[in-house]
Protein backbone atom coordinates (compact mmCIF):
# COMPACT_ATOMS: atom_id res chain seq x y z
CA MET A 1 111.81 88.42 71.26
CA LYS A 2 112.67 87.45 74.85
CA LEU A 3 111.69 89.85 77.54
CA SER A 4 113.65 89.79 80.98
CA LEU A 5 112.49 91.26 84.17
CA CYS A 6 115.17 92.97 86.25
CA MET A 7 114.88 94.09 89.71
CA ILE A 8 116.78 95.13 92.84
CA VAL A 9 115.30 94.39 96.17
CA LYS A 10 115.86 94.55 99.88
CA ASP A 11 113.44 92.99 102.56
CA GLU A 12 110.38 93.05 100.16
CA GLU A 13 108.72 89.89 101.48
CA VAL A 14 105.42 91.75 101.62
CA ALA A 15 105.27 93.60 98.45
CA LEU A 16 107.05 91.11 96.29
CA PRO A 17 104.64 88.33 95.70
CA LYS A 18 102.00 90.94 94.26
CA CYS A 19 104.82 92.34 91.93
CA LEU A 20 106.09 89.20 90.54
CA GLY A 21 102.60 87.60 90.38
CA SER A 22 101.82 90.41 87.90
CA VAL A 23 104.64 89.51 85.57
CA LYS A 24 105.09 85.89 85.88
CA ASP A 25 103.26 85.19 82.79
CA ALA A 26 104.52 88.23 80.84
CA VAL A 27 108.30 87.86 80.89
CA ASP A 28 110.80 84.91 79.95
CA GLN A 29 113.34 85.52 82.57
CA ILE A 30 113.29 87.16 86.23
CA ILE A 31 116.49 88.63 87.75
CA VAL A 32 116.24 89.50 91.23
CA LEU A 33 119.39 91.16 92.78
CA ASP A 34 119.18 91.32 96.58
CA THR A 35 121.01 93.92 98.21
CA GLY A 36 121.10 92.54 101.76
CA SER A 37 117.69 91.25 102.69
CA THR A 38 117.31 89.73 106.09
CA ASP A 39 113.62 88.53 105.67
CA LYS A 40 112.44 85.82 103.23
CA THR A 41 112.70 88.07 100.05
CA PRO A 42 115.39 85.83 98.18
CA ASP A 43 113.20 82.67 98.81
CA ILE A 44 109.86 84.28 97.66
CA ALA A 45 111.74 85.32 94.38
CA LYS A 46 112.80 81.82 93.89
CA GLN A 47 109.14 80.63 94.35
CA PHE A 48 108.34 82.55 91.22
CA GLY A 49 111.10 81.03 89.20
CA ALA A 50 113.55 84.29 89.65
CA GLU A 51 117.30 83.78 89.30
CA VAL A 52 118.61 85.32 92.87
CA HIS A 53 121.84 87.24 92.67
CA HIS A 54 123.44 89.24 95.60
CA PHE A 55 125.02 92.61 95.85
CA GLU A 56 126.85 94.45 98.61
CA TRP A 57 124.91 97.84 98.95
CA CYS A 58 127.07 100.70 98.21
CA ASN A 59 124.29 103.61 98.80
CA ASP A 60 124.16 103.90 94.89
CA PHE A 61 121.10 102.45 93.01
CA SER A 62 122.58 102.84 89.75
CA ALA A 63 125.54 100.53 90.75
CA ALA A 64 123.17 97.90 91.88
CA ARG A 65 120.91 98.08 88.61
CA ASN A 66 123.87 97.86 86.45
CA ASP A 67 125.17 94.87 88.34
CA ALA A 68 121.74 93.31 87.61
CA LEU A 69 121.95 93.99 83.98
CA LYS A 70 124.86 91.58 83.78
CA TYR A 71 122.52 88.61 84.42
CA VAL A 72 119.97 89.49 81.67
CA THR A 73 119.88 87.11 78.80
CA GLY A 74 116.68 88.38 77.00
CA ASP A 75 116.58 90.88 74.12
CA TRP A 76 114.48 93.34 76.19
CA VAL A 77 114.55 94.34 79.70
CA LEU A 78 111.69 95.40 81.70
CA VAL A 79 112.51 97.14 85.06
CA LEU A 80 110.27 97.14 87.99
CA ASP A 81 110.48 97.90 91.76
CA ALA A 82 108.91 95.60 94.47
CA ASP A 83 106.35 98.37 95.29
CA GLU A 84 105.23 98.13 91.49
CA THR A 85 102.94 95.97 89.59
CA LEU A 86 102.55 95.47 85.94
CA THR A 87 98.98 96.13 84.35
CA GLN A 88 97.57 93.01 82.56
CA GLN A 89 96.18 95.04 79.68
CA ILE A 90 99.68 96.52 78.96
CA VAL A 91 101.14 93.08 78.38
CA PRO A 92 100.00 92.45 74.70
CA HIS A 93 100.89 95.87 73.88
CA ILE A 94 104.66 95.42 75.19
CA ARG A 95 104.91 92.26 73.29
CA GLU A 96 103.76 93.78 70.02
CA ALA A 97 106.27 96.87 70.98
CA ILE A 98 109.49 94.86 71.47
CA GLU A 99 109.15 93.21 67.98
CA SER A 100 109.99 96.47 66.37
CA ASP A 101 113.49 96.74 64.98
CA PHE A 102 113.98 100.57 65.57
CA HIS A 103 113.04 101.24 68.95
CA LEU A 104 115.81 101.47 71.67
CA LEU A 105 113.91 102.51 74.49
CA ILE A 106 109.93 102.41 75.20
CA ASN A 107 108.77 104.60 77.85
CA LEU A 108 105.89 103.36 80.19
CA VAL A 109 103.10 105.49 81.93
CA ARG A 110 103.15 104.65 85.65
CA HIS A 111 100.09 105.32 87.80
CA GLU A 112 101.22 106.82 91.18
CA VAL A 113 98.61 105.08 93.35
CA GLY A 114 97.26 107.53 96.06
CA ALA A 115 99.53 110.39 95.03
CA GLU A 116 98.23 113.76 96.31
CA GLN A 117 99.82 115.51 93.23
CA SER A 118 100.67 114.19 89.92
CA PRO A 119 98.98 110.95 89.47
CA TYR A 120 100.98 109.61 86.37
CA SER A 121 104.40 109.99 85.28
CA MET A 122 106.40 108.72 82.34
CA VAL A 123 109.43 106.34 83.04
CA SER A 124 112.10 104.68 80.90
CA ARG A 125 111.55 101.17 82.12
CA LEU A 126 111.52 99.11 78.97
CA PHE A 127 114.69 98.94 76.61
CA LYS A 128 116.65 96.81 74.35
CA ASN A 129 119.54 94.74 76.03
CA HIS A 130 122.26 96.87 74.44
CA PRO A 131 125.73 96.72 75.66
CA ASP A 132 126.06 100.37 76.08
CA ILE A 133 122.73 101.05 77.89
CA SER A 134 123.49 101.48 81.80
CA PHE A 135 122.07 103.41 84.70
CA SER A 136 123.33 106.52 86.03
CA ARG A 137 122.64 108.82 88.95
CA PRO A 138 122.66 107.46 92.56
CA TYR A 139 119.12 107.76 93.61
CA HIS A 140 116.70 108.32 90.62
CA ALA A 141 118.59 105.66 88.54
CA LEU A 142 118.00 106.16 84.92
CA VAL A 143 119.25 104.79 81.62
CA ASP A 144 118.19 107.93 79.83
CA ASP A 145 121.91 109.39 79.76
CA SER A 146 123.18 106.27 78.02
CA ILE A 147 120.20 106.36 75.66
CA SER A 148 121.07 109.99 74.53
CA ALA A 149 124.64 108.88 74.17
CA ILE A 150 123.78 105.94 72.01
CA LEU A 151 121.35 108.09 69.88
CA THR A 152 124.10 110.50 68.91
CA LYS A 153 126.29 107.75 67.45
CA GLU A 154 123.65 105.14 66.40
CA LEU A 155 121.12 107.34 64.34
CA ASP A 156 118.65 104.71 63.26
CA TRP A 157 117.22 104.02 66.83
CA GLN A 158 114.06 105.94 68.09
CA VAL A 159 112.46 106.34 71.52
CA GLY A 160 108.93 105.42 71.82
CA TYR A 161 106.11 105.16 74.53
CA LEU A 162 103.01 103.15 75.15
CA PRO A 163 100.02 105.54 75.95
CA GLN A 164 98.43 102.93 78.10
CA VAL A 165 98.86 102.77 81.90
CA ALA A 166 101.55 100.15 82.36
CA ILE A 167 102.71 100.12 85.90
CA LEU A 168 101.03 100.74 89.35
CA HIS A 169 103.25 102.34 91.97
CA GLU A 170 102.28 102.48 95.61
CA GLY A 171 105.61 103.59 96.93
CA TYR A 172 104.84 107.27 97.32
CA GLN A 173 101.84 106.97 99.59
CA LYS A 174 102.62 108.78 102.82
CA ASN A 175 102.68 105.55 104.86
CA ALA A 176 105.36 103.85 102.51
CA ILE A 177 107.37 107.07 102.58
CA ALA A 178 107.41 106.94 106.32
CA GLN A 179 108.30 103.29 106.72
CA GLN A 180 111.09 103.27 104.34
CA ASN A 181 112.46 106.91 105.33
CA LYS A 182 112.43 107.42 101.47
CA TYR A 183 112.75 111.29 101.74
CA ALA A 184 116.11 111.11 103.77
CA LYS A 185 117.46 108.55 101.34
CA ALA A 186 116.72 110.62 98.27
CA GLN A 187 117.91 113.82 99.74
CA THR A 188 121.37 112.34 100.82
CA ALA A 189 121.88 110.73 97.65
CA MET A 190 120.94 113.72 95.31
CA GLU A 191 122.73 116.19 97.36
CA SER A 192 125.90 114.15 96.68
CA PHE A 193 125.18 114.15 92.98
CA LEU A 194 124.54 117.81 92.95
CA VAL A 195 128.03 118.58 94.26
CA ASN A 196 129.47 117.44 90.96
CA HIS A 197 126.54 118.41 88.71
CA PRO A 198 125.57 121.43 89.94
CA ASP A 199 123.58 122.59 86.76
CA ASP A 200 121.77 119.26 85.93
CA PRO A 201 118.19 120.36 85.33
CA TYR A 202 116.88 116.83 86.29
CA VAL A 203 118.38 116.76 89.67
CA CYS A 204 117.33 120.29 90.21
CA SER A 205 113.78 119.31 89.51
CA LYS A 206 113.81 116.19 91.90
CA LEU A 207 115.80 117.61 94.66
CA GLY A 208 114.18 121.12 94.39
CA ALA A 209 110.75 119.13 94.46
CA LEU A 210 111.85 117.22 97.74
CA TYR A 211 113.05 120.39 99.44
CA VAL A 212 109.59 121.97 98.70
CA GLU A 213 107.67 118.67 99.83
CA THR A 214 109.64 118.72 103.22
CA GLY A 215 109.29 122.49 103.79
CA LYS A 216 112.61 123.83 102.71
CA ILE A 217 110.96 126.34 100.19
CA ALA A 218 113.87 128.63 99.84
CA GLN A 219 116.01 125.83 98.85
CA GLY A 220 113.72 124.35 96.51
CA LEU A 221 112.86 127.55 94.70
CA GLU A 222 116.57 128.15 94.05
CA LEU A 223 117.20 124.72 92.61
CA LEU A 224 113.78 124.66 90.52
CA ILE A 225 114.71 128.20 89.16
CA LYS A 226 118.19 126.93 88.23
CA GLY A 227 116.79 124.05 86.33
CA VAL A 228 114.40 126.32 84.43
CA ALA A 229 117.27 128.44 83.26
CA SER A 230 119.52 125.36 82.11
CA LYS A 231 119.66 124.93 78.49
CA GLN A 232 119.81 121.09 78.86
CA ALA A 233 115.99 120.61 79.98
CA ASN A 234 113.77 118.83 77.76
CA ASP A 235 109.99 119.62 77.90
CA GLU A 236 109.29 116.65 80.47
CA ILE A 237 111.94 118.16 82.73
CA LEU A 238 110.63 121.79 82.23
CA TYR A 239 107.15 120.50 83.11
CA GLU A 240 108.49 119.12 86.32
CA LEU A 241 110.30 122.20 87.17
CA TYR A 242 107.36 124.51 86.54
CA TYR A 243 104.92 122.31 88.14
CA HIS A 244 106.92 122.28 91.33
CA LEU A 245 107.52 126.07 90.99
CA GLY A 246 103.61 126.27 91.11
CA ILE A 247 103.50 124.14 94.26
CA ALA A 248 106.20 126.07 95.92
CA TYR A 249 104.71 129.55 95.28
CA SER A 250 101.11 128.20 96.58
CA ARG A 251 103.07 127.18 99.74
CA LEU A 252 104.31 130.97 99.91
CA GLN A 253 100.69 131.92 99.47
CA ASN A 254 101.46 133.66 96.14
CA PRO A 255 99.01 132.43 93.92
CA LYS A 256 99.65 134.75 91.13
CA GLN A 257 103.25 133.36 90.50
CA ALA A 258 101.78 129.71 91.21
CA MET A 259 99.38 129.99 88.43
CA ALA A 260 101.84 131.56 85.97
CA HIS A 261 104.12 128.66 86.52
CA TYR A 262 101.27 126.04 86.06
CA THR A 263 100.30 127.87 83.08
CA ALA A 264 103.92 127.69 81.66
CA ALA A 265 103.90 123.87 82.29
CA LEU A 266 100.57 123.42 80.52
CA LYS A 267 102.02 125.04 77.46
CA LEU A 268 104.73 122.43 76.97
CA HIS A 269 104.48 119.68 74.41
CA ILE A 270 104.43 116.45 76.63
CA TYR A 271 102.00 113.36 76.88
CA PRO A 272 98.72 114.82 78.18
CA MET A 273 98.10 112.51 80.95
CA LEU A 274 101.07 113.97 82.59
CA LYS A 275 99.42 117.38 82.84
CA LEU A 276 96.59 116.34 85.06
CA GLY A 277 98.27 117.66 88.37
CA ALA A 278 98.94 121.11 86.78
CA TYR A 279 95.44 121.32 85.54
CA ASN A 280 94.06 120.29 88.88
CA ASN A 281 96.28 122.62 90.96
CA LEU A 282 95.70 125.38 88.58
CA GLY A 283 91.92 124.69 89.05
CA ASN A 284 92.18 124.82 92.82
CA LEU A 285 93.89 128.13 92.74
CA LEU A 286 91.15 129.54 90.42
CA LYS A 287 88.54 128.13 92.59
CA ALA A 288 89.93 129.75 95.75
CA ALA A 289 90.33 133.14 93.79
CA GLY A 290 86.40 132.89 93.21
CA ASP A 291 87.18 132.44 89.43
CA LEU A 292 84.76 129.52 89.19
CA LYS A 293 84.19 129.58 85.33
CA TYR A 294 87.84 128.92 84.68
CA ALA A 295 88.17 126.65 87.59
CA LYS A 296 85.58 124.57 86.13
CA ALA A 297 87.17 124.62 82.58
CA ALA A 298 90.60 123.55 84.22
CA TYR A 299 89.08 120.44 86.00
CA GLU A 300 86.73 119.69 83.00
CA THR A 301 90.00 119.76 80.82
CA ALA A 302 91.64 117.19 83.14
CA LEU A 303 88.78 114.80 83.04
CA ARG A 304 88.57 114.89 79.47
CA ILE A 305 92.29 113.71 79.34
CA ASP A 306 91.52 110.97 82.11
CA PRO A 307 87.89 110.46 82.86
CA ASN A 308 89.09 108.18 85.80
CA PHE A 309 90.86 110.99 87.57
CA ALA A 310 88.80 110.80 91.09
CA ALA A 311 90.20 114.27 92.36
CA GLY A 312 89.04 116.03 89.24
CA HIS A 313 85.34 114.56 89.90
CA TYR A 314 85.56 115.76 93.43
CA ASN A 315 87.09 119.22 92.68
CA LEU A 316 84.61 119.60 90.01
CA GLY A 317 81.82 119.01 92.40
CA MET A 318 83.12 121.49 94.93
CA THR A 319 82.85 124.00 91.87
CA PHE A 320 79.43 123.13 91.10
CA LYS A 321 78.48 123.41 94.81
CA ALA A 322 80.21 127.04 94.96
CA LEU A 323 77.89 127.78 91.96
CA GLY A 324 74.85 126.59 93.49
CA LEU A 325 74.51 123.70 90.94
CA PHE A 326 73.90 121.09 93.52
CA ASN A 327 72.34 118.27 91.42
CA GLU A 328 75.64 118.41 89.00
CA ALA A 329 77.55 118.53 92.27
CA ILE A 330 76.05 115.40 93.66
CA ALA A 331 76.72 113.64 90.32
CA SER A 332 80.35 114.70 90.40
CA TYR A 333 80.94 113.52 94.03
CA GLN A 334 79.31 110.19 93.18
CA GLN A 335 81.55 109.81 90.27
CA ALA A 336 84.72 110.42 92.46
CA ILE A 337 83.31 107.78 95.20
CA ALA A 338 82.60 105.22 92.32
CA LEU A 339 86.31 105.68 91.39
CA ASN A 340 87.67 105.82 95.07
CA ALA A 341 85.52 104.20 97.56
CA ASN A 342 87.87 105.70 100.45
CA TYR A 343 87.21 109.31 99.49
CA ALA A 344 85.92 110.70 102.84
CA GLU A 345 85.81 114.31 101.62
CA ALA A 346 83.54 113.39 98.77
CA TYR A 347 81.27 111.58 100.98
CA GLN A 348 81.26 114.51 103.40
CA ASN A 349 80.58 117.05 100.82
CA LEU A 350 77.99 114.89 99.11
CA GLY A 351 76.19 114.78 102.72
CA VAL A 352 76.31 118.78 102.62
CA VAL A 353 74.70 119.12 99.35
CA LEU A 354 71.94 116.53 100.01
CA LEU A 355 71.39 118.21 103.21
CA LYS A 356 70.81 121.70 101.46
CA LEU A 357 68.41 119.95 99.25
CA GLY A 358 66.46 118.51 102.17
CA ASN A 359 67.28 114.92 101.68
CA VAL A 360 68.12 114.26 105.24
CA GLN A 361 68.05 110.52 105.14
CA ASP A 362 70.60 110.21 102.48
CA SER A 363 72.75 113.02 103.77
CA LEU A 364 73.14 111.27 107.13
CA SER A 365 74.10 108.19 105.40
CA ALA A 366 76.75 109.97 103.44
CA PHE A 367 77.94 111.74 106.66
CA GLY A 368 78.24 108.35 108.28
CA LYS A 369 80.31 106.99 105.62
CA ALA A 370 82.40 110.04 105.80
CA ILE A 371 82.93 109.71 109.81
CA VAL A 372 83.90 105.85 109.22
CA LEU A 373 86.75 106.70 106.63
CA HIS A 374 87.87 109.89 108.61
CA GLU A 375 88.17 107.51 111.83
CA LYS A 376 90.44 105.30 109.80
CA TYR A 377 92.63 108.13 108.10
CA ASN A 378 91.86 111.39 109.85
CA PRO A 379 90.57 110.65 113.28
CA GLU A 380 90.43 114.48 114.29
CA GLU A 381 88.24 115.45 111.28
CA ALA A 382 85.86 112.51 112.32
CA LYS A 383 85.63 114.24 115.73
CA LYS A 384 84.77 117.53 114.18
CA LEU A 385 82.15 116.17 111.76
CA HIS A 386 80.53 114.20 114.52
CA LYS A 387 80.48 117.28 116.72
CA GLY A 388 79.03 119.42 113.96
CA LEU A 389 76.16 116.97 113.27
CA ARG A 390 75.38 116.72 116.96
CA GLU A 391 75.15 120.48 117.14
CA MET A 392 72.69 120.53 114.44
CA ASN A 393 70.45 117.96 116.22
CA LEU A 394 71.17 115.44 113.09
CA ILE A 395 72.28 112.92 115.32
C-alpha cells in the first residue's frame, strides 16, 4: 500500500523542514499545496521531494484541502499541518494499519505540545484514498462528515484508531496563536459556518470553547449548552462540550457547576488519554475546595493513564505539600521537572518544600532555576520571587 502525505501551507519556511523531515522516510508521495507563500516555502518543500501545487486562497480550509486531494496517487492519505511532526515510533504501526482491507479511516492521537488544557486530541488524519472522501467545514476542516455518509451506504468499512501518540502539534502554544492570529481567523470562519448550521454540535463545541477562551463567557455558554442538547453529538463531541462547560463555569467562579460538567465528561466512553484535561481540572477544583483526598485521586488517575503527564505530577506534588507529605511532594516535583525541564513553577515549589525541610542549599538551587525560567517566560514572577528571597535574607 502506498501512502501519500497531503498538506496545505502558506509562509511556513521555518516550520516546514521539521515537519517534512519527520515523514520523508515514512511516505511514498508528498503533496504540498501552497496557498500564496511569499517566502521560501515552495522551494523548501521541493528540497524534500514534494510535488508543489498552487491554490488561490478563498478563506476556506476545506476547499484548499480538497484541491490538494486531487493530486494524491497513493492508496492512503496522511494529512499534516506545517506545525506538526510525525512521531517515529508510529511509523511501523501506520504501515501495519493501512494494510487492512476493512478500515476506511484510522484516527490518530495528537499531542498538543505546551497546551495549558487538554494535552491530547484524536484527529481524523489517516484515511483511504476513496473518491467520496472530502473535507468539510471552513476552519476545522474534517473528513468526518463524508466518512459518515460513506458508512451509511458501504457497510463493510470500519473506523479505527492507533493508541500511540502519532502527531506532535506545536500550533496552540500562546506565541504561535498570537503570531498567526489564529483566534480571529477561527472565529470568523466558524461564525460564518454557524449561520447555516446553527445546531451543529461540533461547531457549537469549537466556537463555544473559543468564546470562553477569549473572555466571551456568556456567548460560549450559550453555544456549549446548545451543543449538549443536540441529539447529533457523539461521545467525543459531548466530552468536549462538557469539558469546556467546566472551564466556563470555573471562569465564572462557580466550582460546583464546573465539577458537575467535568464529572459528566469523565463518564463518557472515549479514549482514556483524551480525559487527562478533565481529570486535571477536576483535581484543581477539588484541591481549591480543600478536598485533598479526592484531588489526589483525580491526579493519580490521570497519571495512571499517562505517566508522562508533567502537569499531573506537579499538581499531585502541590496536593502532597498541602497534606504535609513533603518527601512525596519533592518526588512529584522532580518527576514533573524530569518531564519538562522548563517547569518554573515546579522548581519554585520544590524550593519551598526543601526550605521547609531545612535543606537551604538545595532550596536556593531550585529557586535559582525557577528565577532563570521565570525571567524568560514570566519576568514579573521572577522579580516577585527574587524580592521574597531577599526579604527572607536568603540571598
